[in-house]
Amino acid sequence: MDIKRITSGLLGFPLVLIVLLLGHKIVVDIALAIIALLAMNEYFNAIKKVAKPVKWVGYVSCFSIAFIHIVPEEYLNTIVTLAVPTILIILFAQVIATDMKTSFKDISYTFIGIFYVVFFMMFVAFIDGMPNGKILIWYAIFAAWGTDIFAYLVGKWFGKHKFSKVSPKKSIEGCIGGTIGSVIMILIYTYFVNTYLGMNYSYVFLLGIGIILSLVGQIGDFAASSIKRFVDIKDYSNLIPGHGGMLDRIDSLIFLAPFAYSLFTLL
């Protein structure tokens, strides 16, 4: 058993618990902006082997998360919608201003990183700001981190069939066990919120949501691994002992967040 992995997880979970349960949504937004900044920096450090990212655009984009719930709600959708073409305009302007010393390849890798880290992370903030967001956010967390935990344990004890060369340590048994384990956590959590918090969530609907989010989260994990394989690194950093970098820790959560937000609007 990886002692560093368990220790850092046990130390980090209470901090996440305090911020999400007790923190005002603006405090959560600021915390998410800081997390995005750390993850973006790790992404830029990874791809510098193959491109020269336009770092200042990526870093400024991360800070935008802190203002999500400061902007009046009636303007938020318009601003987020315009953010994508605006960032592209800025990146192409960088190419023009530098006489192509910043290349199309450089801005392409930069834009992918911004969309991957910042835009996906925004949906974590959107979930937290929803009605009953403090309850709903834990469904996303259980789907992401619950899958990670059970996939690791099942894979370590029972994994025999490798899943993909993208992530050689992952097994088919671990992937299946991760989904089953996270769905069980989600159903137990649903019983708790229905019984003690006065909610009336459908177990069948949340069973379906749990399966979808777990599978999407695992694709997110493989997506992060594919980037690491491409640039030939093991982890994005050693920020979190036993887990690697910030992006290693949040890869599945941010990938499933947009789907979680969309599905939660149906509850």
Protein backbone atom coordinates (compact mmCIF):
# COMPACT_ATOMS: atom_id res chain seq x y z
CA MET A 1 0.00 0.00 0.00
CA ASP A 2 1.31 3.48 -0.93
CA ILE A 3 1.67 5.27 2.44
CA LYS A 4 2.45 8.64 0.83
CA ARG A 5 -0.67 8.39 -1.31
CA ILE A 6 -2.91 7.59 1.66
CA THR A 7 -1.34 10.22 3.94
CA SER A 8 -1.61 13.08 1.45
CA GLY A 9 -5.18 12.04 0.67
CA LEU A 10 -6.16 12.04 4.35
CA LEU A 11 -4.53 15.42 4.92
CA GLY A 12 -6.01 16.99 1.80
CA PHE A 13 -9.60 15.78 2.17
CA PRO A 14 -10.43 17.84 5.32
CA LEU A 15 -9.24 20.99 3.55
CA VAL A 16 -11.48 20.25 0.56
CA LEU A 17 -14.34 19.50 2.97
CA ILE A 18 -13.95 22.82 4.83
CA VAL A 19 -13.71 24.94 1.69
CA LEU A 20 -16.67 23.33 -0.07
CA LEU A 21 -19.00 23.06 2.93
CA LEU A 22 -18.21 26.27 4.80
CA GLY A 23 -16.78 28.51 2.11
CA HIS A 24 -18.92 31.17 0.43
CA LYS A 25 -19.21 30.57 -3.30
CA ILE A 26 -16.77 33.43 -3.98
CA VAL A 27 -14.25 31.80 -1.61
CA VAL A 28 -14.72 28.53 -3.52
CA ASP A 29 -14.23 30.39 -6.81
CA ILE A 30 -10.94 31.87 -5.57
CA ALA A 31 -9.78 28.45 -4.37
CA LEU A 32 -10.66 26.94 -7.77
CA ALA A 33 -8.78 29.76 -9.54
CA ILE A 34 -5.66 28.96 -7.51
CA ILE A 35 -6.02 25.24 -8.27
CA ALA A 36 -6.46 26.04 -11.98
CA LEU A 37 -3.35 28.23 -11.89
CA LEU A 38 -1.29 25.38 -10.41
CA ALA A 39 -2.70 22.90 -12.95
CA MET A 40 -2.13 25.29 -15.85
CA ASN A 41 1.48 25.82 -14.82
CA GLU A 42 1.99 22.04 -14.73
CA TYR A 43 0.44 21.70 -18.18
CA PHE A 44 2.70 24.42 -19.60
CA ASN A 45 5.77 22.82 -18.03
CA ALA A 46 4.77 19.51 -19.64
CA ILE A 47 4.22 20.79 -23.17
CA LYS A 48 7.27 23.07 -23.27
CA LYS A 49 9.10 20.06 -24.74
CA VAL A 50 6.96 20.29 -27.89
CA ALA A 51 5.80 23.94 -28.01
CA LYS A 52 6.29 27.41 -26.56
CA PRO A 53 2.96 28.14 -24.87
CA VAL A 54 1.67 31.70 -24.50
CA LYS A 55 1.75 31.48 -20.74
CA TRP A 56 0.39 34.90 -19.82
CA VAL A 57 -2.90 34.21 -21.62
CA GLY A 58 -3.28 30.90 -19.78
CA TYR A 59 -2.53 32.40 -16.38
CA VAL A 60 -4.89 35.36 -16.85
CA SER A 61 -7.61 32.92 -17.92
CA CYS A 62 -7.22 31.04 -14.64
CA PHE A 63 -7.89 34.18 -12.59
CA SER A 64 -11.21 34.64 -14.41
CA ILE A 65 -12.68 31.76 -12.38
CA ALA A 66 -12.46 33.90 -9.24
CA PHE A 67 -14.97 36.38 -10.74
CA ILE A 68 -17.66 33.93 -11.88
CA HIS A 69 -20.08 34.77 -9.06
CA ILE A 70 -19.13 38.45 -8.90
CA VAL A 71 -20.36 39.08 -12.45
CA PRO A 72 -24.17 39.66 -12.51
CA GLU A 73 -25.88 36.41 -13.48
CA GLU A 74 -27.73 37.96 -16.43
CA TYR A 75 -24.38 38.74 -18.10
CA LEU A 76 -22.52 35.57 -17.17
CA ASN A 77 -23.64 33.36 -20.07
CA THR A 78 -22.78 36.05 -22.61
CA ILE A 79 -19.34 36.61 -21.09
CA VAL A 80 -18.50 32.90 -20.96
CA THR A 81 -19.72 32.44 -24.54
CA LEU A 82 -17.61 35.34 -25.80
CA ALA A 83 -14.57 34.17 -23.84
CA VAL A 84 -13.73 31.41 -26.34
CA PRO A 85 -13.49 33.59 -29.48
CA THR A 86 -11.86 36.37 -27.45
CA ILE A 87 -9.06 34.07 -26.30
CA LEU A 88 -8.56 32.87 -29.88
CA ILE A 89 -8.35 36.48 -31.11
CA ILE A 90 -5.76 37.29 -28.42
CA LEU A 91 -3.68 34.22 -29.31
CA PHE A 92 -3.71 34.97 -33.03
CA ALA A 93 -2.87 38.59 -32.23
CA GLN A 94 0.19 37.23 -30.41
CA VAL A 95 1.23 35.42 -33.61
CA ILE A 96 0.85 38.64 -35.61
CA ALA A 97 2.59 40.85 -33.02
CA THR A 98 5.62 38.55 -32.82
CA ASP A 99 5.94 38.14 -36.61
CA MET A 100 5.20 34.42 -36.19
CA LYS A 101 7.90 33.85 -33.56
CA THR A 102 4.89 32.55 -31.70
CA SER A 103 3.64 29.87 -34.06
CA PHE A 104 0.25 28.35 -34.81
CA LYS A 105 1.42 25.21 -33.00
CA ASP A 106 2.25 27.28 -29.89
CA ILE A 107 -1.17 28.89 -29.70
CA SER A 108 -2.91 25.58 -30.47
CA TYR A 109 -1.30 23.88 -27.48
CA THR A 110 -2.04 26.97 -25.37
CA PHE A 111 -5.71 27.05 -26.35
CA ILE A 112 -6.17 23.34 -25.64
CA GLY A 113 -4.69 23.87 -22.17
CA ILE A 114 -6.97 26.82 -21.43
CA PHE A 115 -10.04 24.94 -22.57
CA TYR A 116 -8.98 21.76 -20.76
CA VAL A 117 -8.08 23.35 -17.44
CA VAL A 118 -9.93 26.67 -17.17
CA PHE A 119 -13.22 26.11 -19.00
CA PHE A 120 -13.72 22.66 -17.50
CA MET A 121 -12.84 23.96 -14.03
CA MET A 122 -15.45 26.72 -14.41
CA PHE A 123 -18.16 24.08 -14.33
CA VAL A 124 -17.04 23.00 -10.86
CA ALA A 125 -17.71 26.60 -9.79
CA PHE A 126 -21.04 26.58 -11.65
CA ILE A 127 -22.12 23.43 -9.79
CA ASP A 128 -21.18 24.96 -6.44
CA GLY A 129 -23.27 28.04 -7.30
CA MET A 130 -26.39 26.04 -8.24
CA PRO A 131 -29.38 25.74 -5.89
CA ASN A 132 -28.30 23.01 -3.43
CA GLY A 133 -24.85 23.24 -5.00
CA LYS A 134 -23.15 22.35 -1.71
CA ILE A 135 -24.97 19.02 -1.90
CA LEU A 136 -24.61 18.43 -5.64
CA ILE A 137 -20.87 19.12 -5.80
CA TRP A 138 -20.22 15.96 -3.79
CA TYR A 139 -21.83 13.80 -6.47
CA ALA A 140 -19.16 15.03 -8.87
CA ILE A 141 -16.43 14.46 -6.29
CA PHE A 142 -17.62 10.94 -5.45
CA ALA A 143 -17.86 10.12 -9.16
CA ALA A 144 -14.30 11.33 -9.78
CA TRP A 145 -12.33 10.52 -6.67
CA GLY A 146 -14.49 7.57 -5.64
CA THR A 147 -13.76 6.00 -9.01
CA ASP A 148 -10.04 6.73 -8.59
CA ILE A 149 -9.93 5.17 -5.13
CA PHE A 150 -11.85 1.99 -5.97
CA ALA A 151 -10.11 1.57 -9.32
CA TYR A 152 -6.76 1.77 -7.52
CA LEU A 153 -7.77 -0.72 -4.80
CA VAL A 154 -9.53 -3.21 -7.09
CA GLY A 155 -6.79 -2.96 -9.69
CA LYS A 156 -4.09 -3.51 -7.06
CA TRP A 157 -5.77 -6.58 -5.59
CA PHE A 158 -7.55 -8.17 -8.56
CA GLY A 159 -6.27 -6.48 -11.72
CA LYS A 160 -4.97 -8.97 -14.28
CA HIS A 161 -6.04 -7.62 -17.66
CA LYS A 162 -4.41 -4.39 -18.82
CA PHE A 163 -6.78 -1.80 -20.24
CA SER A 164 -4.64 0.41 -22.49
CA LYS A 165 -1.05 1.34 -23.23
CA VAL A 166 -2.04 4.95 -22.54
CA SER A 167 -1.99 4.07 -18.84
CA PRO A 168 -0.24 0.69 -18.44
CA LYS A 169 -0.94 0.32 -14.71
CA LYS A 170 -4.72 0.48 -15.14
CA SER A 171 -6.64 -2.77 -15.53
CA ILE A 172 -10.07 -3.66 -16.85
CA GLU A 173 -10.97 -5.01 -13.40
CA GLY A 174 -9.89 -1.72 -11.81
CA CYS A 175 -11.96 0.36 -14.22
CA ILE A 176 -15.07 -1.72 -13.59
CA GLY A 177 -14.47 -1.77 -9.84
CA GLY A 178 -13.98 2.00 -9.83
CA THR A 179 -17.37 2.60 -11.43
CA ILE A 180 -19.18 0.13 -9.16
CA GLY A 181 -17.51 1.55 -6.04
CA SER A 182 -18.27 5.17 -6.92
CA VAL A 183 -21.90 4.37 -7.75
CA ILE A 184 -22.33 2.65 -4.36
CA MET A 185 -20.89 5.78 -2.68
CA ILE A 186 -23.31 7.96 -4.65
CA LEU A 187 -26.32 5.84 -3.66
CA ILE A 188 -25.31 5.86 0.02
CA TYR A 189 -24.85 9.63 -0.19
CA THR A 190 -28.28 9.97 -1.82
CA TYR A 191 -29.84 8.05 1.07
CA PHE A 192 -28.13 10.43 3.49
CA VAL A 193 -29.25 13.65 1.76
CA ASN A 194 -32.79 12.36 1.24
CA THR A 195 -33.15 11.16 4.83
CA TYR A 196 -31.35 13.88 6.77
CA LEU A 197 -31.25 16.92 4.48
CA GLY A 198 -34.81 16.81 3.20
CA MET A 199 -34.00 16.14 -0.46
CA ASN A 200 -36.08 13.89 -2.71
CA TYR A 201 -33.57 12.75 -5.30
CA SER A 202 -34.34 9.74 -7.49
CA TYR A 203 -32.06 6.78 -6.79
CA VAL A 204 -32.56 5.46 -10.33
CA PHE A 205 -31.68 8.80 -11.92
CA LEU A 206 -28.60 9.21 -9.74
CA LEU A 207 -27.57 5.63 -10.47
CA GLY A 208 -27.52 6.57 -14.13
CA ILE A 209 -25.72 9.84 -13.43
CA GLY A 210 -23.14 8.00 -11.33
CA ILE A 211 -22.35 5.52 -14.10
CA ILE A 212 -22.09 8.24 -16.76
CA LEU A 213 -19.88 10.52 -14.65
CA SER A 214 -17.63 7.66 -13.56
CA LEU A 215 -17.04 6.58 -17.15
CA VAL A 216 -16.46 10.17 -18.34
CA GLY A 217 -14.09 10.75 -15.42
CA GLN A 218 -12.06 7.68 -16.38
CA ILE A 219 -11.79 8.96 -19.94
CA GLY A 220 -10.54 12.22 -18.42
CA ASP A 221 -7.92 10.27 -16.50
CA PHE A 222 -6.79 8.55 -19.71
CA ALA A 223 -6.79 11.91 -21.52
CA ALA A 224 -4.39 13.36 -18.96
CA SER A 225 -2.24 10.23 -19.23
CA SER A 226 -2.14 10.50 -23.03
CA ILE A 227 -0.66 14.00 -22.73
CA LYS A 228 1.96 12.72 -20.29
CA ARG A 229 2.86 9.85 -22.62
CA PHE A 230 3.17 12.27 -25.53
CA VAL A 231 5.70 14.46 -23.68
CA ASP A 232 7.28 11.49 -21.87
CA ILE A 233 6.70 12.38 -18.21
CA LYS A 234 5.40 10.21 -15.36
CA ASP A 235 3.56 12.91 -13.38
CA TYR A 236 2.77 16.55 -14.02
CA SER A 237 4.73 17.46 -10.87
CA ASN A 238 5.49 16.16 -7.37
CA LEU A 239 3.26 18.71 -5.64
CA ILE A 240 1.11 16.07 -3.89
CA PRO A 241 3.14 13.11 -2.55
CA GLY A 242 1.85 9.82 -3.90
CA HIS A 243 -0.52 11.54 -6.36
CA GLY A 244 1.80 13.60 -8.55
CA GLY A 245 0.75 17.10 -9.50
CA MET A 246 -2.44 19.10 -9.15
CA LEU A 247 -3.48 18.17 -12.68
CA ASP A 248 -2.94 14.49 -11.86
CA ARG A 249 -5.38 14.89 -8.98
CA ILE A 250 -8.14 16.85 -10.74
CA ASP A 251 -7.96 15.37 -14.25
CA SER A 252 -11.09 13.23 -13.91
CA LEU A 253 -13.06 15.81 -11.88
CA ILE A 254 -12.66 18.66 -14.36
CA PHE A 255 -13.39 16.35 -17.30
CA LEU A 256 -16.72 15.22 -15.90
CA ALA A 257 -17.74 18.62 -14.44
CA PRO A 258 -19.51 19.96 -17.59
CA PHE A 259 -21.52 16.73 -17.87
CA ALA A 260 -22.34 16.81 -14.15
CA TYR A 261 -23.58 20.41 -14.39
CA SER A 262 -25.81 19.58 -17.36
CA LEU A 263 -27.25 16.47 -15.66
CA PHE A 264 -27.82 18.26 -12.35
CA THR A 265 -30.01 20.84 -14.08
CA LEU A 266 -32.44 17.95 -14.72
CA LEU A 267 -32.81 17.10 -11.02
